[in-house]
Protein backbone atom coordinates (compact mmCIF):
# COMPACT_ATOMS: atom_id res chain seq x y z
CA MET A 1 -0.04 -0.05 -0.02
CA GLY A 2 0.99 3.68 -0.55
CA LYS A 3 2.71 5.83 2.14
CA GLY A 4 0.54 6.68 4.98
CA VAL A 5 -1.85 3.81 4.77
CA LYS A 6 -2.14 1.57 7.83
CA VAL A 7 -4.01 -1.78 7.89
CA ALA A 8 -5.27 -3.17 11.15
CA VAL A 9 -7.29 -6.34 11.88
CA VAL A 10 -9.35 -6.09 14.93
CA GLY A 11 -11.85 -8.77 15.85
CA GLY A 12 -11.68 -10.16 12.43
CA VAL A 13 -12.54 -6.84 10.75
CA LEU A 14 -10.14 -5.47 8.30
CA ALA A 15 -9.80 -1.53 8.58
CA VAL A 16 -7.82 0.78 6.35
CA MET A 17 -6.62 4.15 7.82
CA VAL A 18 -5.23 6.78 5.53
CA GLY A 19 -3.29 9.84 6.50
CA GLY A 20 -3.25 11.60 9.87
CA ALA A 21 -5.78 12.02 12.48
CA GLY A 22 -7.18 15.39 11.21
CA TYR A 23 -10.22 16.46 9.24
CA GLY A 24 -10.97 13.77 6.71
CA ALA A 25 -8.88 11.17 8.49
CA PHE A 26 -10.56 7.84 9.06
CA ASN A 27 -10.90 7.11 12.82
CA LEU A 28 -10.51 3.32 13.41
CA VAL A 29 -12.19 3.53 16.86
CA SER A 30 -15.18 5.59 15.69
CA ALA A 31 -15.65 3.49 12.77
CA MET A 32 -15.68 0.09 14.59
CA THR A 33 -18.76 -1.36 16.07
CA ASP A 34 -18.60 -2.29 19.77
CA ILE A 35 -18.68 -6.05 19.52
CA SER A 36 -20.37 -6.68 22.90
CA SER A 37 -23.10 -4.01 22.53
CA ASN A 38 -23.33 -3.82 18.74
CA GLU A 39 -23.53 -0.07 19.07
CA PRO A 40 -21.17 2.53 17.50
CA ALA A 41 -18.52 4.05 19.92
CA LYS A 42 -19.43 7.65 20.78
CA VAL A 43 -17.31 10.43 19.23
CA ARG A 44 -16.96 13.44 21.40
CA THR A 45 -18.51 16.68 20.02
CA GLY A 46 -18.55 20.35 20.97
CA PRO A 47 -15.66 22.68 21.62
CA PRO A 48 -12.68 21.29 23.41
CA ASP A 49 -12.51 21.91 27.17
CA ALA A 50 -9.68 23.65 28.98
CA ASP A 51 -7.95 20.31 29.82
CA GLU A 52 -7.93 19.29 26.10
CA VAL A 53 -6.69 22.56 25.01
CA LYS A 54 -3.88 22.49 27.46
CA GLU A 55 -3.00 18.98 26.65
CA THR A 56 -3.09 19.29 22.92
CA ALA A 57 -1.07 22.36 22.82
CA ALA A 58 1.50 20.80 25.10
CA LYS A 59 1.92 17.67 22.93
CA PHE A 60 2.20 19.75 19.70
CA PHE A 61 4.76 22.05 21.35
CA ALA A 62 6.84 19.27 22.82
CA ALA A 63 7.02 17.30 19.33
CA TRP A 64 7.90 20.80 17.70
CA GLU A 65 10.68 21.42 20.19
CA ARG A 66 12.12 17.91 19.67
CA GLY A 67 12.18 18.51 15.86
CA GLU A 68 9.64 15.63 15.41
CA ALA A 69 7.68 17.25 12.49
CA ILE A 70 5.48 14.35 11.64
CA THR A 71 4.53 13.74 15.37
CA ALA A 72 3.72 17.41 15.76
CA ALA A 73 1.75 17.34 12.63
CA SER A 74 -0.38 14.41 13.95
CA HIS A 75 -1.79 16.83 16.52
CA THR A 76 -3.25 19.11 13.88
CA ASN A 77 -6.32 18.83 11.70
CA ASN A 78 -4.15 18.87 8.42
CA ASP A 79 -1.21 16.59 8.99
CA VAL A 80 0.05 16.77 5.54
CA ALA A 81 0.43 20.60 5.18
CA ALA A 82 1.56 20.85 8.79
CA GLY A 83 4.18 18.07 8.23
CA GLN A 84 5.66 19.73 5.17
CA LEU A 85 6.00 23.11 6.76
CA LEU A 86 7.35 21.75 10.10
CA THR A 87 9.81 19.69 8.29
CA ALA A 88 10.93 22.73 6.33
CA TYR A 89 11.31 24.62 9.65
CA GLY A 90 14.11 22.30 10.59
CA GLU A 91 15.67 21.15 7.26
CA ASP A 92 15.31 24.06 5.00
CA ALA A 93 15.30 26.89 7.48
CA HIS A 94 17.93 25.42 9.69
CA ILE A 95 16.04 26.44 12.94
CA THR A 96 17.20 24.52 15.97
CA ASN A 97 17.25 24.55 19.81
CA VAL A 98 13.45 25.43 19.73
CA LYS A 99 12.05 26.50 23.12
CA ILE A 100 8.26 27.31 23.19
CA THR A 101 6.76 29.10 26.11
CA PRO A 102 2.91 29.13 26.17
CA GLY A 103 0.98 31.97 27.48
CA THR A 104 -2.42 32.04 29.25
CA ALA A 105 -5.06 30.28 27.11
CA SER A 106 -8.10 32.36 26.27
CA GLY A 107 -10.82 29.82 25.62
CA VAL A 108 -9.47 27.49 22.84
CA SER A 109 -6.78 29.99 21.76
CA VAL A 110 -3.19 29.64 23.08
CA PRO A 111 -0.58 32.49 22.65
CA PHE A 112 3.02 31.36 22.76
CA THR A 113 6.49 32.67 22.29
CA VAL A 114 9.22 30.78 20.32
CA LYS A 115 12.98 31.18 21.02
CA ALA A 116 15.20 29.38 18.73
CA THR A 117 18.64 29.37 16.91
CA VAL A 118 19.02 29.79 13.24
CA SER A 119 22.41 28.44 11.84
CA TYR A 120 23.88 28.31 8.36
CA GLY A 121 27.36 28.15 7.00
CA GLY A 122 29.10 28.61 10.37
CA LYS A 123 26.86 31.66 11.21
CA SER A 124 24.20 31.52 13.94
CA LYS A 125 21.79 33.95 15.40
CA PRO A 126 18.93 33.80 17.90
CA LEU A 127 15.35 34.04 16.62
CA THR A 128 12.39 35.11 18.79
CA TYR A 129 8.84 35.72 17.91
CA LYS A 130 5.26 35.24 19.10
CA SER A 131 2.44 33.46 17.68
CA ALA A 132 -0.75 31.73 18.56
CA LEU A 133 -2.78 28.59 17.88
CA THR A 134 -6.42 27.53 18.16
CA VAL A 135 -7.55 24.08 19.34
CA VAL A 136 -10.68 22.64 17.61
CA ARG A 137 -12.58 19.41 17.67
CA GLY A 138 -11.76 16.97 14.82
CA GLU A 139 -14.88 16.60 12.55
CA THR A 140 -14.50 12.88 12.07
CA THR A 141 -12.34 11.78 15.03
CA GLY A 142 -13.67 13.85 17.94
CA ARG A 143 -10.08 14.47 19.03
CA ALA A 144 -8.86 17.91 20.16
CA LEU A 145 -6.45 19.09 17.51
CA VAL A 146 -4.45 22.26 16.52
CA ASP A 147 -6.41 24.18 13.91
CA TRP A 148 -3.66 24.18 11.18
CA LYS A 149 -2.71 27.47 9.68
CA PRO A 150 0.93 28.45 8.45
CA SER A 151 0.70 31.37 10.91
CA VAL A 152 0.97 28.90 13.63
CA VAL A 153 4.57 28.43 12.71
CA HIS A 154 5.29 32.04 12.18
CA PRO A 155 2.77 34.89 12.27
CA GLU A 156 3.91 36.24 8.82
CA LEU A 157 3.41 32.90 6.98
CA GLN A 158 0.42 32.43 4.59
CA ASP A 159 -0.86 29.67 2.56
CA GLY A 160 1.76 28.41 0.16
CA ASP A 161 4.61 30.12 2.06
CA THR A 162 7.60 28.23 3.55
CA LEU A 163 10.81 29.19 5.49
CA VAL A 164 14.24 28.90 4.01
CA THR A 165 17.76 29.86 5.17
CA GLY A 166 20.67 30.37 2.90
CA GLU A 167 22.57 32.82 0.79
CA SER A 168 20.12 35.49 -0.30
CA ALA A 169 18.61 35.10 -3.62
CA SER A 170 19.65 38.60 -4.44
CA PRO A 171 22.30 40.93 -2.94
CA PRO A 172 20.89 43.58 -0.69
CA ILE A 173 20.25 47.02 -2.24
CA GLU A 174 20.33 50.57 -0.91
CA ALA A 175 17.42 52.14 -2.83
CA VAL A 176 17.84 55.96 -3.15
CA GLY A 177 15.38 58.56 -4.46
CA ARG A 178 15.97 61.02 -7.22
CA ASP A 179 17.66 63.34 -4.73
CA GLY A 180 19.93 60.72 -3.33
CA SER A 181 17.95 60.12 -0.18
CA VAL A 182 18.11 56.50 1.15
CA LEU A 183 14.60 54.94 0.99
CA THR A 184 14.07 52.23 3.74
CA LYS A 185 11.02 50.38 4.84
CA GLU A 186 11.35 51.67 8.31
CA LYS A 187 11.09 55.24 7.18
CA TYR A 188 8.50 54.55 4.35
CA PRO A 189 6.62 51.33 5.51
CA SER A 190 4.41 51.02 2.48
CA LEU A 191 7.49 50.82 0.18
CA GLY A 192 8.48 47.56 1.94
CA PRO A 193 7.01 45.14 -0.60
CA VAL A 194 8.23 47.46 -3.47
CA LEU A 195 11.80 47.50 -2.11
CA ASP A 196 11.76 43.76 -1.69
CA THR A 197 10.74 43.36 -5.35
CA LEU A 198 13.38 45.92 -6.52
CA ARG A 199 15.98 43.78 -4.58
CA ALA A 200 14.80 40.67 -6.25
CA LYS A 201 14.90 42.08 -9.68
CA TYR A 202 17.85 44.50 -9.65
CA GLY A 203 20.03 43.23 -6.79
CA ASP A 204 22.45 41.61 -9.14
CA LYS A 205 22.67 44.65 -11.37
CA ALA A 206 23.22 47.07 -8.59
CA GLY A 207 26.68 45.82 -7.66
CA GLY A 208 26.22 44.26 -4.21
CA THR A 209 27.11 40.85 -2.82
CA PRO A 210 24.49 38.53 -1.22
CA GLY A 211 24.42 37.84 2.50
CA VAL A 212 22.83 34.96 4.45
CA GLU A 213 19.20 35.25 5.51
CA LEU A 214 16.22 33.48 6.98
CA VAL A 215 13.34 34.42 4.52
CA ILE A 216 9.76 33.55 3.84
CA ARG A 217 9.51 32.12 0.27
CA HIS A 218 6.11 32.84 -1.33
CA THR A 219 5.84 29.74 -3.47
CA ALA A 220 2.12 30.08 -4.19
CA ARG A 221 2.20 33.81 -5.20
CA GLU A 222 4.40 35.95 -7.26
CA ALA A 223 6.32 37.92 -4.66
CA ALA A 224 9.86 38.55 -3.63
CA ASP A 225 11.32 36.70 -0.54
CA THR A 226 10.52 38.44 2.72
CA PRO A 227 13.59 38.61 4.93
CA LEU A 228 13.11 37.72 8.61
CA LEU A 229 16.58 37.48 9.97
CA THR A 230 19.95 38.39 8.61
CA LEU A 231 22.85 35.97 9.73
CA ALA A 232 25.51 37.78 7.57
CA GLU A 233 25.24 41.03 6.00
CA GLY A 234 25.88 41.28 2.26
CA GLU A 235 27.40 44.21 0.63
CA PRO A 236 24.45 46.44 -0.70
CA GLY A 237 24.57 47.85 -4.12
CA LYS A 238 23.04 51.29 -4.81
CA LEU A 239 19.91 51.41 -6.83
CA ARG A 240 18.63 54.78 -8.00
CA THR A 241 14.77 55.09 -8.31
CA THR A 242 12.60 57.93 -9.59
CA LEU A 243 10.99 58.32 -6.27
CA SER A 244 11.02 61.72 -4.47
CA ALA A 245 11.58 61.39 -0.69
CA ARG A 246 9.48 64.45 -0.13
CA VAL A 247 6.44 63.30 -2.15
CA GLN A 248 6.77 59.75 -0.91
CA GLU A 249 6.63 60.92 2.73
CA ALA A 250 3.48 62.90 1.99
CA ALA A 251 1.98 59.95 0.34
CA GLU A 252 2.68 57.71 3.21
CA ARG A 253 1.06 60.20 5.69
CA ALA A 254 -1.98 60.67 3.33
CA VAL A 255 -2.90 57.07 2.90
CA ARG A 256 -2.70 56.59 6.67
CA ARG A 257 -5.73 58.79 6.99
CA TYR A 258 -7.95 56.22 5.35
CA ASP A 259 -7.98 52.45 5.46
CA GLU A 260 -7.56 50.50 2.21
CA SER A 261 -6.12 53.33 0.35
CA SER A 262 -3.55 53.55 -2.37
CA VAL A 263 -1.96 56.48 -4.29
CA VAL A 264 0.56 57.09 -7.07
CA ALA A 265 2.22 60.30 -8.21
CA VAL A 266 4.03 60.80 -11.51
CA LYS A 267 5.98 63.51 -13.33
CA PRO A 268 3.88 64.16 -16.49
CA SER A 269 6.88 65.55 -18.37
CA THR A 270 8.95 62.35 -18.03
CA GLY A 271 6.69 59.57 -16.74
CA GLU A 272 8.89 59.09 -13.67
CA VAL A 273 6.92 57.80 -10.54
CA LEU A 274 7.41 60.12 -7.73
CA ALA A 275 5.56 58.23 -5.06
CA VAL A 276 3.74 54.98 -4.43
CA ALA A 277 1.89 54.30 -1.24
CA ASN A 278 -0.65 51.78 0.16
CA ASN A 279 -2.52 51.49 3.52
CA ARG A 280 -4.07 47.99 3.23
CA ALA A 281 -4.58 45.21 5.70
CA ASP A 282 -3.47 42.56 3.05
CA GLY A 283 -0.11 44.40 2.08
CA PHE A 284 -1.09 44.26 -1.62
CA ASN A 285 0.45 46.85 -3.82
CA ALA A 286 -2.99 47.89 -5.16
CA ALA A 287 -1.48 51.14 -6.29
CA PHE A 288 0.37 49.43 -9.12
CA GLN A 289 -1.47 46.10 -9.38
CA GLY A 290 -5.08 46.79 -8.39
CA GLN A 291 -7.85 45.92 -11.03
CA VAL A 292 -10.97 47.70 -10.10
CA ALA A 293 -13.62 49.95 -11.77
CA PRO A 294 -12.28 53.56 -11.68
CA GLY A 295 -15.71 55.18 -11.57
CA SER A 296 -16.08 58.70 -13.14
CA THR A 297 -12.31 59.27 -13.40
CA MET A 298 -12.85 57.30 -16.61
CA LYS A 299 -14.72 60.16 -18.09
CA ILE A 300 -11.38 61.72 -18.92
CA ILE A 301 -10.78 58.97 -21.48
CA THR A 302 -14.43 59.09 -22.54
CA ALA A 303 -14.31 62.76 -23.07
CA ALA A 304 -11.16 62.48 -25.21
CA MET A 305 -12.98 59.85 -27.26
CA LEU A 306 -15.96 62.18 -27.85
CA ILE A 307 -13.69 65.03 -28.87
CA ASP A 308 -11.38 62.94 -30.99
CA ASN A 309 -14.26 61.47 -32.96
CA GLY A 310 -16.04 64.80 -33.58
CA VAL A 311 -19.10 63.91 -31.37
CA THR A 312 -18.86 67.10 -29.32
CA SER A 313 -16.36 69.43 -27.79
CA MET A 314 -15.56 71.23 -24.50
CA ASN A 315 -18.13 73.95 -25.35
CA GLY A 316 -20.30 71.66 -27.47
CA PRO A 317 -23.60 70.11 -26.30
CA ALA A 318 -23.77 67.32 -23.72
CA PRO A 319 -27.28 67.38 -22.19
CA CYS A 320 -27.68 66.20 -18.61
CA PRO A 321 -31.13 64.57 -18.08
CA ASP A 322 -32.22 62.91 -14.96
CA THR A 323 -31.88 59.49 -16.41
CA ALA A 324 -30.54 57.80 -19.49
CA THR A 325 -31.57 54.27 -20.87
CA TRP A 326 -29.24 52.19 -22.83
CA GLN A 327 -30.55 48.89 -24.30
CA SER A 328 -33.13 48.58 -21.46
CA GLN A 329 -30.80 49.48 -18.56
CA THR A 330 -31.40 52.86 -16.93
CA PHE A 331 -28.58 55.01 -15.55
CA HIS A 332 -28.86 57.80 -12.94
CA ASN A 333 -26.83 60.61 -11.77
CA LEU A 334 -25.73 61.31 -8.20
CA THR A 335 -28.53 62.31 -5.78
CA ASN A 336 -29.88 65.87 -6.03
CA MET A 337 -28.09 66.73 -9.30
CA PRO A 338 -30.44 68.92 -11.24
CA PRO A 339 -30.99 68.08 -14.92
CA ASP A 340 -29.58 70.49 -17.57
CA GLU A 341 -30.73 69.99 -21.10
CA ASN A 342 -28.48 72.74 -22.34
CA ALA A 343 -25.35 71.58 -20.59
CA THR A 344 -22.06 71.73 -22.50
CA LEU A 345 -19.43 68.88 -22.26
CA ALA A 346 -17.41 70.98 -19.89
CA SER A 347 -20.37 71.55 -17.60
CA SER A 348 -21.37 67.82 -17.48
CA PHE A 349 -17.75 66.92 -17.06
CA LEU A 350 -17.12 69.20 -13.96
CA ARG A 351 -20.58 68.20 -12.36
CA SER A 352 -19.76 64.53 -13.25
CA CYS A 353 -23.13 63.96 -15.05
CA ASN A 354 -23.43 60.26 -15.98
CA THR A 355 -26.48 60.59 -18.19
CA ALA A 356 -24.56 63.29 -20.45
CA PHE A 357 -21.83 60.64 -21.20
CA ILE A 358 -24.36 57.71 -21.60
CA LYS A 359 -26.36 59.55 -24.27
CA LEU A 360 -23.28 60.68 -26.17
CA VAL A 361 -21.69 57.23 -26.53
CA ASP A 362 -24.52 56.19 -28.85
CA GLU A 363 -23.63 58.92 -31.47
CA GLU A 364 -22.10 58.22 -34.85
CA PRO A 365 -19.31 57.21 -35.63
CA LEU A 366 -18.78 55.48 -32.21
CA THR A 367 -18.83 51.75 -32.06
CA ASP A 368 -18.46 49.19 -29.19
CA ALA A 369 -14.63 49.39 -29.77
CA SER A 370 -14.21 53.07 -29.85
CA LEU A 371 -13.39 53.52 -26.20
CA THR A 372 -10.96 50.61 -26.30
CA ALA A 373 -9.13 52.25 -29.26
CA GLU A 374 -9.00 55.60 -27.49
CA ALA A 375 -7.60 53.98 -24.26
CA GLN A 376 -5.04 51.83 -26.03
CA GLU A 377 -3.89 54.12 -28.95
CA ARG A 378 -4.01 57.39 -27.18
CA PHE A 379 -3.48 56.63 -23.43
CA GLY A 380 -1.22 53.47 -23.65
CA LEU A 381 -3.60 51.46 -21.65
CA GLY A 382 -4.72 47.73 -21.76
CA ARG A 383 -1.92 46.40 -24.01
CA ASP A 384 -0.04 44.52 -21.20
CA ASP A 385 3.24 46.16 -22.25
CA TRP A 386 4.18 48.48 -19.42
CA LYS A 387 7.58 47.91 -17.95
CA THR A 388 7.58 49.99 -14.83
CA GLY A 389 10.49 48.24 -13.09
CA ILE A 390 8.15 46.12 -10.79
CA ALA A 391 5.00 44.15 -11.32
CA SER A 392 2.21 46.39 -12.44
CA PHE A 393 -1.20 46.14 -14.27
CA ASP A 394 -1.78 48.34 -17.46
CA GLY A 395 -5.56 48.85 -17.16
CA ARG A 396 -8.27 47.07 -18.97
CA VAL A 397 -10.92 48.63 -21.36
CA PRO A 398 -12.47 45.89 -23.31
CA ALA A 399 -14.68 46.42 -26.39
CA SER A 400 -18.11 45.78 -24.93
CA GLY A 401 -21.59 45.55 -26.33
CA GLY A 402 -25.03 45.84 -24.58
CA PRO A 403 -25.35 47.82 -21.34
CA ASP A 404 -21.65 47.48 -20.66
CA ARG A 405 -20.80 49.82 -23.55
CA ALA A 406 -22.56 52.54 -21.62
CA ALA A 407 -21.32 51.49 -18.16
CA ASN A 408 -17.72 51.34 -19.48
CA ALA A 409 -17.97 54.92 -20.47
CA ILE A 410 -18.70 56.15 -16.85
CA GLY A 411 -15.90 53.76 -15.35
CA GLN A 412 -18.14 50.85 -14.36
CA GLY A 413 -18.95 47.74 -16.49
CA GLN A 414 -15.86 45.92 -17.45
CA VAL A 415 -13.22 48.69 -17.11
CA GLN A 416 -10.53 48.01 -14.63
CA MET A 417 -7.81 50.47 -13.36
CA ASN A 418 -5.60 51.32 -10.42
CA PRO A 419 -4.07 54.61 -9.16
CA LEU A 420 -0.92 54.20 -11.44
CA ASN A 421 -3.13 53.96 -14.61
CA MET A 422 -5.22 57.03 -13.68
CA ALA A 423 -2.27 59.20 -12.72
CA SER A 424 -0.83 58.33 -16.16
CA VAL A 425 -4.22 59.06 -17.77
CA THR A 426 -4.10 62.56 -16.14
CA ALA A 427 -0.51 63.01 -17.18
CA THR A 428 -1.40 62.09 -20.84
CA ALA A 429 -4.46 64.37 -20.75
CA ILE A 430 -2.68 67.61 -19.72
CA THR A 431 0.50 67.07 -21.86
CA GLY A 432 -0.95 65.35 -24.97
CA THR A 433 1.86 62.81 -24.79
CA PHE A 434 1.80 59.27 -23.31
CA ARG A 435 4.90 58.69 -21.28
CA GLN A 436 4.90 55.28 -19.73
CA PRO A 437 5.40 55.53 -15.96
CA TYR A 438 8.50 53.96 -14.54
CA LEU A 439 10.14 53.49 -11.15
CA VAL A 440 13.54 52.51 -12.34
CA SER A 441 15.32 53.94 -15.31
CA PRO A 442 15.16 51.60 -18.35
CA ASP A 443 18.99 52.29 -18.79
CA LEU A 444 19.72 49.92 -16.00
CA ASP A 445 18.37 46.82 -17.73
CA GLY A 446 17.74 47.90 -21.26
CA ARG A 447 13.97 47.27 -21.20
CA GLN A 448 11.73 49.01 -23.76
CA LEU A 449 9.07 51.23 -22.43
CA ALA A 450 5.53 51.16 -23.92
CA THR A 451 4.48 53.80 -26.41
CA ALA A 452 1.29 55.22 -27.72
CA LYS A 453 0.48 58.00 -30.19
CA GLY A 454 -0.94 60.39 -27.60
CA LEU A 455 -3.49 63.10 -28.08
CA PRO A 456 -3.98 65.83 -30.55
CA ALA A 457 -2.98 69.12 -29.13
CA GLY A 458 -6.52 70.44 -29.34
CA THR A 459 -8.02 67.52 -27.37
CA ALA A 460 -5.32 67.85 -24.64
CA ALA A 461 -5.99 71.53 -24.31
CA GLN A 462 -9.75 70.87 -23.88
CA LEU A 463 -9.26 68.03 -21.26
CA LYS A 464 -6.83 70.09 -19.27
CA GLN A 465 -9.25 73.04 -19.17
CA MET A 466 -12.18 70.91 -18.19
CA MET A 467 -9.99 69.40 -15.34
CA ARG A 468 -9.18 72.88 -14.25
CA LEU A 469 -12.81 73.93 -14.14
CA THR A 470 -13.62 70.68 -12.07
CA ALA A 471 -10.88 71.61 -9.56
CA THR A 472 -12.06 75.24 -9.22
CA GLN A 473 -15.76 74.99 -9.72
CA GLY A 474 -16.98 71.37 -9.90
CA THR A 475 -16.97 68.19 -7.70
CA ALA A 476 -13.31 68.48 -6.97
CA GLN A 477 -13.39 72.08 -5.66
CA GLN A 478 -13.55 71.23 -1.80
CA ALA A 479 -10.71 68.72 -2.04
CA MET A 480 -8.34 71.03 -4.11
CA ALA A 481 -9.09 74.13 -2.10
CA GLY A 482 -6.01 76.06 -1.09
CA LEU A 483 -3.61 74.55 -3.69
CA GLY A 484 -1.86 77.11 -5.75
CA GLY A 485 -0.31 76.84 -9.26
CA ASP A 486 -1.87 75.28 -12.27
CA ILE A 487 -4.40 72.77 -10.90
CA GLY A 488 -7.07 70.43 -12.34
CA ALA A 489 -8.88 67.24 -11.20
CA LYS A 490 -11.56 64.58 -11.79
CA THR A 491 -13.60 62.85 -9.07
CA GLY A 492 -15.07 59.34 -9.20
CA SER A 493 -17.06 56.90 -7.10
CA ALA A 494 -17.31 53.22 -8.29
CA GLU A 495 -20.03 50.78 -7.22
CA VAL A 496 -19.02 47.38 -6.42
CA ASP A 497 -21.10 44.38 -5.84
CA ARG A 498 -21.63 43.38 -2.21
CA GLN A 499 -20.34 46.64 -0.98
CA ALA A 500 -22.63 49.06 0.83
CA THR A 501 -20.47 52.00 0.06
CA SER A 502 -18.79 52.98 -3.18
CA ASN A 503 -14.99 53.20 -3.77
CA SER A 504 -13.71 56.67 -3.67
CA TRP A 505 -11.51 57.78 -6.68
CA PHE A 506 -9.77 60.97 -7.41
CA THR A 507 -7.14 62.07 -9.84
CA GLY A 508 -5.46 65.44 -10.24
CA PHE A 509 -2.56 67.53 -11.29
CA ARG A 510 -0.66 70.59 -10.00
CA ASN A 511 2.09 71.99 -12.28
CA ASP A 512 4.26 69.07 -13.23
CA VAL A 513 2.74 66.50 -10.83
CA ALA A 514 -0.06 64.13 -11.55
CA ALA A 515 -1.52 61.85 -8.84
CA ALA A 516 -4.40 59.49 -8.44
CA ALA A 517 -5.82 57.71 -5.42
CA MET A 518 -8.47 55.17 -4.54
CA THR A 519 -10.04 54.23 -1.19
CA GLU A 520 -12.09 51.14 -0.86
CA GLU A 521 -15.70 51.96 0.37
CA GLY A 522 -14.40 55.55 0.81
CA GLY A 523 -17.60 57.11 -0.76
CA HIS A 524 -17.58 59.99 -3.12
CA GLY A 525 -14.38 60.98 -4.84
CA GLY A 526 -13.90 64.12 -2.79
CA ASP A 527 -14.61 62.32 0.53
CA ALA A 528 -11.45 60.16 0.86
CA ALA A 529 -9.32 59.79 -2.26
CA GLY A 530 -9.60 63.53 -2.88
CA PRO A 531 -7.91 64.69 0.30
CA ILE A 532 -5.04 62.12 -0.23
CA VAL A 533 -4.29 63.41 -3.82
CA ALA A 534 -4.40 66.94 -2.62
CA ASP A 535 -1.87 66.29 0.20
CA VAL A 536 0.42 64.62 -2.37
CA LEU A 537 0.12 67.46 -4.95
CA ARG A 538 0.82 69.94 -2.09
CA ALA A 539 4.15 68.18 -1.46
CA GLY A 540 5.06 67.79 -4.99
CA GLY A 541 4.27 71.25 -6.38
């Protein structure tokens, strides 16, 4: 029989038991029939009591301390996954002399402290951290078992992660900003994942030498190793980025004001990224990699399409009725927006009138593919060819028929963007030239930046003026109040299924800085994303 299969003959009954004693494991005792009573043996149910919690945790800790990974795993409800990670803990991470001190249990939860030693290549360092486990009742066995999660072994581990100690995959880097300031995750916390990615990609090109580290290796997701402990320092190489320390600091402060927020700032005249910041519980770089509907910030691209195709112009007609129906679907404006049948495109843009844009996308010569063509050919979006220096998403504006053609025009439907994309849209709109954003100069690795033909001068001039009006007279006026210089903006709110509150979007410019932000469930564009962008523009102007 295969590994992990046990055969027992009890009272003439052949029983097969596969795997461990966790969920889904076959419990020999519970499966047997009591020969004398001919009744099934009872399996315990309900939450484990205090004695069971204490005993289970103690057995798990004792086996873990002894380095007996399989035994420790047998006290969990997923012995296969637990066995693999606990084995790696000793064999791949080279962690020994493990001492676990349990804290005071709270119900079925047991906090604990781990003290151990990490050794590799003649180098050793102490390792100390805190974690916690939960004891549950095995569904089939009735046993008290540790509810298995990778975070039991280390609080930063997620599904698919493992621990490895060895020579670093990449030499350390000293990332510096455009002014030579050193950028560290201690000073700029949300840059942590970005700096790890830059190190993984450019460490060998920056001239450094690798050290020895204990790292989390993210085998199930595309992410650079996360260092946990350095046993021997490598020699860092210097990597120059386009980031501005001043703008980055402002971006870090700004996103901390609102949970689940992200912001990007770029320099329109060059495409250089000046700041990228996130304040998210999951640590995801949504500023560069997010893929969500951008709401009415998309009207910048839609307005460009209308102008470029001769449908209307900034001072041309764009009536704003209460509702607009497109192929049986009815679209509305924000509450309390008065209709205006004599509105111009500039007026409907600065008020963010949905119905004006819905009605105009039905005009000749527009087709289902017109918005896609505008986004790709003029703004460089949606072609999966941006090479920013780290992982990024280029936006998505698919050709759509039916109600989605209308929904796409107002940043709903199938359109997907992130703050990087929308900061680039603003930069293209006000300069007329698409300059692909980048974080590291392409001269370092010879990569080719994406290109697009950009906007006619007349279209760019009209877009810039409409954004100026929005910032000074329209929906962005409150958020942009007090900013001097040449300013412009566009607000957006994007409805998302199963969310009670819409996502807040905002993009704007001040002189030669363009920025965009998104706050999940932040409400209207000016409520959360607007203040974030304004703070960043204030620092960058």
